[in-house]
Amino acid sequence: MTSDWHHDVDDQELAIAKFVNDTQFRLHQLVESHGISQSELGKRLGMSRSRVSAIFGSDSNLTLRTIAKVLYAVGEANAHLS
């Protein structure tokens, strides 16, 4: 029998995973909508293309600062991710 606590933890982990995935997807959409390649985004962010690729990878743990940098780099500093 699964305890309510265990069920809540599972729900929390699913919600976190969905939020992270949705945020990465929306950032990727914004970058693509501006016609910016990962190489170009890397130049604008001062990081390698492989690091930019990792930002959009499944194991990425984006900070709010990184999200803000990407938004600024594509000219969407005041964008909402919703």
Protein backbone atom coordinates (compact mmCIF):
# COMPACT_ATOMS: atom_id res chain seq x y z
CA MET A 1 0.00 0.00 0.00
CA THR A 2 1.36 3.42 -0.95
CA SER A 3 1.28 6.09 1.71
CA ASP A 4 -0.23 9.51 1.02
CA TRP A 5 3.21 11.05 1.62
CA HIS A 6 4.79 8.85 -1.06
CA HIS A 7 1.97 9.73 -3.47
CA ASP A 8 2.49 13.46 -2.78
CA VAL A 9 6.23 13.13 -3.48
CA ASP A 10 5.49 11.39 -6.79
CA ASP A 11 3.03 14.13 -7.74
CA GLN A 12 5.56 16.79 -6.79
CA GLU A 13 8.32 15.18 -8.87
CA LEU A 14 5.99 14.91 -11.86
CA ALA A 15 4.98 18.57 -11.50
CA ILE A 16 8.62 19.65 -11.29
CA ALA A 17 9.58 17.58 -14.33
CA LYS A 18 6.68 19.03 -16.32
CA PHE A 19 7.60 22.59 -15.35
CA VAL A 20 11.25 22.10 -16.32
CA ASN A 21 10.32 20.45 -19.61
CA ASP A 22 7.75 23.14 -20.46
CA THR A 23 10.25 25.91 -19.65
CA GLN A 24 12.97 24.35 -21.79
CA PHE A 25 10.50 23.84 -24.64
CA ARG A 26 9.29 27.45 -24.48
CA LEU A 27 12.86 28.78 -24.41
CA HIS A 28 13.72 26.62 -27.41
CA GLN A 29 10.65 27.94 -29.26
CA LEU A 30 11.67 31.53 -28.57
CA VAL A 31 15.21 30.94 -29.80
CA GLU A 32 13.95 29.25 -32.97
CA SER A 33 11.31 31.93 -33.60
CA HIS A 34 14.11 34.49 -33.76
CA GLY A 35 16.07 32.32 -36.20
CA ILE A 36 19.00 32.01 -33.80
CA SER A 37 21.20 28.92 -34.04
CA GLN A 38 22.72 27.26 -31.00
CA SER A 39 26.12 28.49 -32.16
CA GLU A 40 24.86 32.07 -32.38
CA LEU A 41 23.12 31.80 -29.03
CA GLY A 42 26.37 30.51 -27.55
CA LYS A 43 28.21 33.57 -28.86
CA ARG A 44 25.58 35.88 -27.41
CA LEU A 45 25.73 34.11 -24.05
CA GLY A 46 29.51 33.72 -23.99
CA MET A 47 29.33 29.94 -23.81
CA SER A 48 30.09 27.01 -26.07
CA ARG A 49 27.58 25.48 -28.43
CA SER A 50 27.76 22.26 -26.41
CA ARG A 51 26.79 24.17 -23.25
CA VAL A 52 23.86 25.74 -25.10
CA SER A 53 22.85 22.28 -26.29
CA ALA A 54 22.98 21.08 -22.68
CA ILE A 55 20.61 23.89 -21.65
CA PHE A 56 17.96 22.25 -23.79
CA GLY A 57 18.89 18.70 -22.77
CA SER A 58 16.84 16.43 -20.57
CA ASP A 59 19.37 16.50 -17.70
CA SER A 60 19.60 20.29 -17.57
CA ASN A 61 18.89 22.07 -14.31
CA LEU A 62 18.39 25.65 -15.44
CA THR A 63 18.81 28.47 -13.00
CA LEU A 64 16.59 31.52 -13.19
CA ARG A 65 19.72 33.47 -14.14
CA THR A 66 20.36 31.20 -17.14
CA ILE A 67 16.74 31.50 -18.25
CA ALA A 68 16.96 35.29 -17.99
CA LYS A 69 20.23 35.31 -19.98
CA VAL A 70 18.66 33.29 -22.79
CA LEU A 71 15.63 35.58 -22.88
CA TYR A 72 17.86 38.65 -23.00
CA ALA A 73 20.06 37.12 -25.71
CA VAL A 74 17.07 36.66 -28.01
CA GLY A 75 15.62 40.09 -27.28
CA GLU A 76 12.84 38.83 -25.07
CA ALA A 77 13.99 40.17 -21.70
CA ASN A 78 10.40 41.07 -20.79
CA ALA A 79 8.87 37.85 -22.13
CA HIS A 80 6.56 35.63 -20.19
CA LEU A 81 7.13 31.92 -20.61
CA SER A 82 3.45 31.01 -20.41
